[in-house]
Amino acid sequence: MPKHEIRMDILGTSFSIAADEEPAYLENLLNRYHLMVDSTRKVTGLTDPLKIAIVTGFLLCDEIQKLHEERNAERSVGHISEESEKVEAAALDLIARIDEALDKKPLIVS
């Protein structure tokens, strides 16, 4: 799968990352992150970009954890769908790829 690059301009920082996902999907993720950052800023009143990014990441982890717990509860009663498992696997794979891309490629802050 070819790598696609996405430029991130958020919280006063700009850099590009490459991922094995389609550009439209990457744009969708970035838009969701922008919404989460804006929500975090409004709810917490934080102004420091690093703190906003950390709290936003924490809240996203909370969402993932709740989805895991929900999935495990559904699985224990036999209601988990094959499609839900595929969506979760794809999300976890994307997170791993982004982590790998960030580890391999130095961030360029401009």
N, C-alpha and C. Protein backbone atom coordinates (compact mmCIF):
# COMPACT_ATOMS: atom_id res chain seq x y z
N MET A 1 0.84 -1.17 0.00
CA MET A 1 0.00 0.00 0.00
C MET A 1 0.89 1.24 0.00
N PRO A 2 0.61 2.20 -0.87
CA PRO A 2 1.45 3.40 -0.92
C PRO A 2 1.25 4.29 0.30
N LYS A 3 2.31 4.99 0.64
CA LYS A 3 2.25 5.93 1.76
C LYS A 3 1.63 7.23 1.27
N HIS A 4 0.78 7.80 2.13
CA HIS A 4 0.18 9.10 1.85
C HIS A 4 0.59 10.03 2.97
N GLU A 5 0.91 11.26 2.59
CA GLU A 5 1.36 12.23 3.56
C GLU A 5 0.23 13.18 3.92
N ILE A 6 0.19 13.56 5.19
CA ILE A 6 -0.79 14.53 5.64
C ILE A 6 -0.06 15.60 6.45
N ARG A 7 -0.40 16.83 6.19
CA ARG A 7 0.20 17.96 6.90
C ARG A 7 -0.71 18.30 8.08
N MET A 8 -0.12 18.36 9.25
CA MET A 8 -0.87 18.69 10.46
C MET A 8 -0.48 20.09 10.92
N ASP A 9 -1.45 20.95 11.03
CA ASP A 9 -1.26 22.31 11.55
C ASP A 9 -2.22 22.43 12.74
N ILE A 10 -1.68 22.25 13.93
CA ILE A 10 -2.54 22.23 15.11
C ILE A 10 -1.79 22.71 16.33
N LEU A 11 -2.47 23.47 17.15
CA LEU A 11 -1.92 23.97 18.41
C LEU A 11 -0.59 24.70 18.23
N GLY A 12 -0.48 25.44 17.13
CA GLY A 12 0.72 26.22 16.88
C GLY A 12 1.90 25.43 16.35
N THR A 13 1.69 24.19 16.01
CA THR A 13 2.76 23.34 15.50
C THR A 13 2.36 22.78 14.13
N SER A 14 3.32 22.68 13.24
CA SER A 14 3.06 22.13 11.91
C SER A 14 4.10 21.08 11.60
N PHE A 15 3.63 19.96 11.07
CA PHE A 15 4.53 18.90 10.61
C PHE A 15 3.74 17.97 9.72
N SER A 16 4.45 17.09 9.04
CA SER A 16 3.81 16.11 8.15
C SER A 16 4.13 14.71 8.63
N ILE A 17 3.17 13.81 8.42
CA ILE A 17 3.41 12.40 8.69
C ILE A 17 2.96 11.62 7.46
N ALA A 18 3.50 10.43 7.32
CA ALA A 18 3.10 9.54 6.22
C ALA A 18 2.47 8.30 6.82
N ALA A 19 1.43 7.81 6.17
CA ALA A 19 0.74 6.62 6.65
C ALA A 19 0.24 5.82 5.46
N ASP A 20 -0.08 4.57 5.72
CA ASP A 20 -0.55 3.67 4.66
C ASP A 20 -2.06 3.75 4.46
N GLU A 21 -2.66 4.84 4.85
CA GLU A 21 -4.11 5.00 4.72
C GLU A 21 -4.42 5.98 3.60
N GLU A 22 -5.66 5.95 3.15
CA GLU A 22 -6.11 6.85 2.09
C GLU A 22 -6.15 8.29 2.60
N PRO A 23 -5.86 9.27 1.74
CA PRO A 23 -5.87 10.67 2.16
C PRO A 23 -7.20 11.11 2.80
N ALA A 24 -8.31 10.66 2.25
CA ALA A 24 -9.61 11.05 2.81
C ALA A 24 -9.77 10.54 4.24
N TYR A 25 -9.30 9.34 4.50
CA TYR A 25 -9.37 8.77 5.84
C TYR A 25 -8.50 9.57 6.80
N LEU A 26 -7.28 9.91 6.36
CA LEU A 26 -6.37 10.69 7.20
C LEU A 26 -6.95 12.07 7.49
N GLU A 27 -7.56 12.70 6.48
CA GLU A 27 -8.19 14.00 6.69
C GLU A 27 -9.34 13.90 7.69
N ASN A 28 -10.10 12.81 7.61
CA ASN A 28 -11.20 12.59 8.54
C ASN A 28 -10.67 12.48 9.98
N LEU A 29 -9.58 11.73 10.15
CA LEU A 29 -8.98 11.62 11.48
C LEU A 29 -8.49 12.97 11.98
N LEU A 30 -7.83 13.72 11.12
CA LEU A 30 -7.33 15.02 11.53
C LEU A 30 -8.47 15.96 11.90
N ASN A 31 -9.54 15.92 11.13
CA ASN A 31 -10.71 16.76 11.46
C ASN A 31 -11.29 16.36 12.81
N ARG A 32 -11.37 15.08 13.07
CA ARG A 32 -11.87 14.60 14.37
C ARG A 32 -10.97 15.08 15.49
N TYR A 33 -9.66 15.02 15.28
CA TYR A 33 -8.73 15.47 16.31
C TYR A 33 -8.88 16.97 16.55
N HIS A 34 -9.04 17.74 15.48
CA HIS A 34 -9.27 19.18 15.63
C HIS A 34 -10.52 19.44 16.49
N LEU A 35 -11.58 18.69 16.22
CA LEU A 35 -12.81 18.85 17.01
C LEU A 35 -12.57 18.50 18.48
N MET A 36 -11.82 17.43 18.71
CA MET A 36 -11.52 17.03 20.09
C MET A 36 -10.67 18.08 20.79
N VAL A 37 -9.70 18.64 20.09
CA VAL A 37 -8.84 19.68 20.66
C VAL A 37 -9.69 20.90 21.02
N ASP A 38 -10.56 21.31 20.10
CA ASP A 38 -11.42 22.47 20.37
C ASP A 38 -12.34 22.20 21.56
N SER A 39 -12.88 21.01 21.63
CA SER A 39 -13.75 20.64 22.75
C SER A 39 -12.97 20.67 24.06
N THR A 40 -11.76 20.10 24.05
CA THR A 40 -10.93 20.10 25.25
C THR A 40 -10.64 21.52 25.71
N ARG A 41 -10.31 22.38 24.77
CA ARG A 41 -10.00 23.77 25.08
C ARG A 41 -11.20 24.46 25.73
N LYS A 42 -12.38 24.25 25.15
CA LYS A 42 -13.59 24.89 25.68
C LYS A 42 -13.98 24.34 27.05
N VAL A 43 -13.92 23.03 27.22
CA VAL A 43 -14.35 22.40 28.47
C VAL A 43 -13.40 22.69 29.62
N THR A 44 -12.10 22.66 29.34
CA THR A 44 -11.11 22.81 30.42
C THR A 44 -10.66 24.25 30.64
N GLY A 45 -10.77 25.09 29.61
CA GLY A 45 -10.27 26.44 29.72
C GLY A 45 -8.76 26.53 29.59
N LEU A 46 -8.11 25.41 29.25
CA LEU A 46 -6.66 25.40 29.08
C LEU A 46 -6.26 26.25 27.88
N THR A 47 -5.08 26.86 27.98
CA THR A 47 -4.56 27.63 26.85
C THR A 47 -3.20 27.12 26.40
N ASP A 48 -2.52 26.37 27.24
CA ASP A 48 -1.19 25.84 26.91
C ASP A 48 -1.35 24.70 25.90
N PRO A 49 -0.75 24.82 24.71
CA PRO A 49 -0.91 23.80 23.67
C PRO A 49 -0.51 22.39 24.11
N LEU A 50 0.58 22.26 24.85
CA LEU A 50 1.02 20.94 25.28
C LEU A 50 0.00 20.32 26.21
N LYS A 51 -0.51 21.10 27.14
CA LYS A 51 -1.52 20.57 28.07
C LYS A 51 -2.80 20.19 27.33
N ILE A 52 -3.20 21.00 26.37
CA ILE A 52 -4.40 20.69 25.58
C ILE A 52 -4.19 19.37 24.84
N ALA A 53 -3.03 19.20 24.22
CA ALA A 53 -2.73 17.97 23.47
C ALA A 53 -2.74 16.76 24.40
N ILE A 54 -2.15 16.91 25.59
CA ILE A 54 -2.09 15.79 26.54
C ILE A 54 -3.49 15.42 27.01
N VAL A 55 -4.28 16.41 27.40
CA VAL A 55 -5.64 16.12 27.88
C VAL A 55 -6.48 15.52 26.75
N THR A 56 -6.33 16.04 25.54
CA THR A 56 -7.07 15.48 24.40
C THR A 56 -6.69 14.02 24.18
N GLY A 57 -5.39 13.72 24.21
CA GLY A 57 -4.95 12.33 24.07
C GLY A 57 -5.52 11.45 25.17
N PHE A 58 -5.55 11.97 26.38
CA PHE A 58 -6.11 11.23 27.52
C PHE A 58 -7.60 10.95 27.29
N LEU A 59 -8.34 11.94 26.82
CA LEU A 59 -9.76 11.76 26.56
C LEU A 59 -10.01 10.76 25.43
N LEU A 60 -9.15 10.79 24.42
CA LEU A 60 -9.28 9.81 23.33
C LEU A 60 -8.98 8.40 23.84
N CYS A 61 -8.00 8.27 24.72
CA CYS A 61 -7.72 6.96 25.34
C CYS A 61 -8.92 6.49 26.15
N ASP A 62 -9.57 7.42 26.84
CA ASP A 62 -10.78 7.09 27.59
C ASP A 62 -11.85 6.54 26.65
N GLU A 63 -12.03 7.18 25.50
CA GLU A 63 -13.01 6.68 24.52
C GLU A 63 -12.66 5.27 24.06
N ILE A 64 -11.39 5.04 23.77
CA ILE A 64 -10.95 3.72 23.32
C ILE A 64 -11.19 2.68 24.41
N GLN A 65 -10.85 3.02 25.65
CA GLN A 65 -11.04 2.09 26.76
C GLN A 65 -12.50 1.73 26.94
N LYS A 66 -13.36 2.73 26.86
CA LYS A 66 -14.80 2.46 27.00
C LYS A 66 -15.30 1.58 25.86
N LEU A 67 -14.79 1.79 24.66
CA LEU A 67 -15.17 0.92 23.54
C LEU A 67 -14.69 -0.51 23.76
N HIS A 68 -13.46 -0.66 24.30
CA HIS A 68 -12.95 -2.00 24.62
C HIS A 68 -13.84 -2.68 25.65
N GLU A 69 -14.19 -1.95 26.70
CA GLU A 69 -15.03 -2.52 27.74
C GLU A 69 -16.40 -2.89 27.20
N GLU A 70 -16.95 -2.04 26.36
CA GLU A 70 -18.24 -2.33 25.73
C GLU A 70 -18.15 -3.57 24.85
N ARG A 71 -17.07 -3.65 24.08
CA ARG A 71 -16.87 -4.81 23.22
C ARG A 71 -16.73 -6.09 24.03
N ASN A 72 -15.96 -6.01 25.10
CA ASN A 72 -15.78 -7.19 25.95
C ASN A 72 -17.09 -7.61 26.60
N ALA A 73 -17.91 -6.64 27.00
CA ALA A 73 -19.22 -6.96 27.58
C ALA A 73 -20.11 -7.60 26.53
N GLU A 74 -20.09 -7.07 25.31
CA GLU A 74 -20.89 -7.65 24.22
C GLU A 74 -20.41 -9.05 23.89
N ARG A 75 -19.08 -9.21 23.86
CA ARG A 75 -18.51 -10.51 23.54
C ARG A 75 -18.91 -11.55 24.59
N SER A 76 -18.95 -11.13 25.84
CA SER A 76 -19.27 -12.07 26.91
C SER A 76 -20.71 -12.56 26.82
N VAL A 77 -21.57 -11.77 26.18
CA VAL A 77 -22.95 -12.22 25.99
C VAL A 77 -23.22 -12.61 24.54
N GLY A 78 -22.15 -12.64 23.72
CA GLY A 78 -22.27 -13.13 22.35
C GLY A 78 -22.85 -12.17 21.35
N HIS A 79 -22.78 -10.85 21.61
CA HIS A 79 -23.37 -9.89 20.68
C HIS A 79 -22.36 -9.15 19.82
N ILE A 80 -21.09 -9.45 19.97
CA ILE A 80 -20.08 -8.73 19.19
C ILE A 80 -20.15 -9.16 17.72
N SER A 81 -20.11 -8.19 16.86
CA SER A 81 -20.18 -8.51 15.44
C SER A 81 -18.78 -8.63 14.86
N GLU A 82 -18.69 -9.37 13.79
CA GLU A 82 -17.42 -9.52 13.09
C GLU A 82 -16.94 -8.17 12.57
N GLU A 83 -17.89 -7.35 12.13
CA GLU A 83 -17.53 -6.03 11.61
C GLU A 83 -16.93 -5.15 12.71
N SER A 84 -17.46 -5.21 13.92
CA SER A 84 -16.91 -4.43 15.03
C SER A 84 -15.48 -4.85 15.31
N GLU A 85 -15.20 -6.13 15.23
CA GLU A 85 -13.84 -6.60 15.46
C GLU A 85 -12.91 -6.09 14.36
N LYS A 86 -13.39 -6.05 13.12
CA LYS A 86 -12.58 -5.55 12.02
C LYS A 86 -12.30 -4.06 12.19
N VAL A 87 -13.30 -3.30 12.61
CA VAL A 87 -13.12 -1.86 12.82
C VAL A 87 -12.10 -1.62 13.92
N GLU A 88 -12.21 -2.36 15.00
CA GLU A 88 -11.27 -2.20 16.10
C GLU A 88 -9.85 -2.56 15.65
N ALA A 89 -9.72 -3.66 14.93
CA ALA A 89 -8.40 -4.09 14.45
C ALA A 89 -7.79 -3.02 13.54
N ALA A 90 -8.61 -2.44 12.67
CA ALA A 90 -8.12 -1.39 11.77
C ALA A 90 -7.68 -0.16 12.54
N ALA A 91 -8.45 0.22 13.56
CA ALA A 91 -8.09 1.39 14.38
C ALA A 91 -6.79 1.15 15.13
N LEU A 92 -6.65 -0.02 15.72
CA LEU A 92 -5.43 -0.33 16.45
C LEU A 92 -4.23 -0.40 15.52
N ASP A 93 -4.44 -0.93 14.31
CA ASP A 93 -3.37 -0.99 13.32
C ASP A 93 -2.94 0.42 12.91
N LEU A 94 -3.90 1.31 12.72
CA LEU A 94 -3.57 2.69 12.35
C LEU A 94 -2.79 3.38 13.47
N ILE A 95 -3.21 3.18 14.70
CA ILE A 95 -2.48 3.78 15.83
C ILE A 95 -1.05 3.28 15.84
N ALA A 96 -0.86 1.98 15.64
CA ALA A 96 0.49 1.41 15.62
C ALA A 96 1.31 1.99 14.48
N ARG A 97 0.70 2.17 13.31
CA ARG A 97 1.43 2.71 12.16
C ARG A 97 1.83 4.17 12.40
N ILE A 98 0.92 4.94 13.00
CA ILE A 98 1.25 6.33 13.29
C ILE A 98 2.39 6.40 14.30
N ASP A 99 2.29 5.57 15.34
CA ASP A 99 3.37 5.51 16.33
C ASP A 99 4.69 5.17 15.66
N GLU A 100 4.67 4.19 14.77
CA GLU A 100 5.88 3.76 14.07
C GLU A 100 6.41 4.88 13.19
N ALA A 101 5.52 5.56 12.47
CA ALA A 101 5.94 6.64 11.58
C ALA A 101 6.56 7.78 12.39
N LEU A 102 5.99 8.08 13.53
CA LEU A 102 6.53 9.15 14.35
C LEU A 102 7.87 8.77 14.95
N ASP A 103 8.05 7.50 15.26
CA ASP A 103 9.33 7.03 15.81
C ASP A 103 10.42 7.03 14.75
N LYS A 104 10.08 6.72 13.51
CA LYS A 104 11.07 6.58 12.46
C LYS A 104 11.44 7.92 11.81
N LYS A 105 10.49 8.83 11.75
CA LYS A 105 10.70 10.07 11.03
C LYS A 105 10.72 11.22 12.03
N PRO A 106 11.81 11.98 12.05
CA PRO A 106 11.85 13.10 12.99
C PRO A 106 10.76 14.12 12.65
N LEU A 107 10.15 14.66 13.67
CA LEU A 107 9.14 15.67 13.46
C LEU A 107 9.79 16.95 12.99
N ILE A 108 9.21 17.56 12.00
CA ILE A 108 9.72 18.82 11.50
C ILE A 108 8.75 19.89 11.95
N VAL A 109 9.18 20.70 12.86
CA VAL A 109 8.32 21.76 13.38
C VAL A 109 8.72 23.05 12.70
N SER A 110 7.72 23.69 12.11
CA SER A 110 8.02 24.95 11.41
C SER A 110 7.18 26.08 11.95
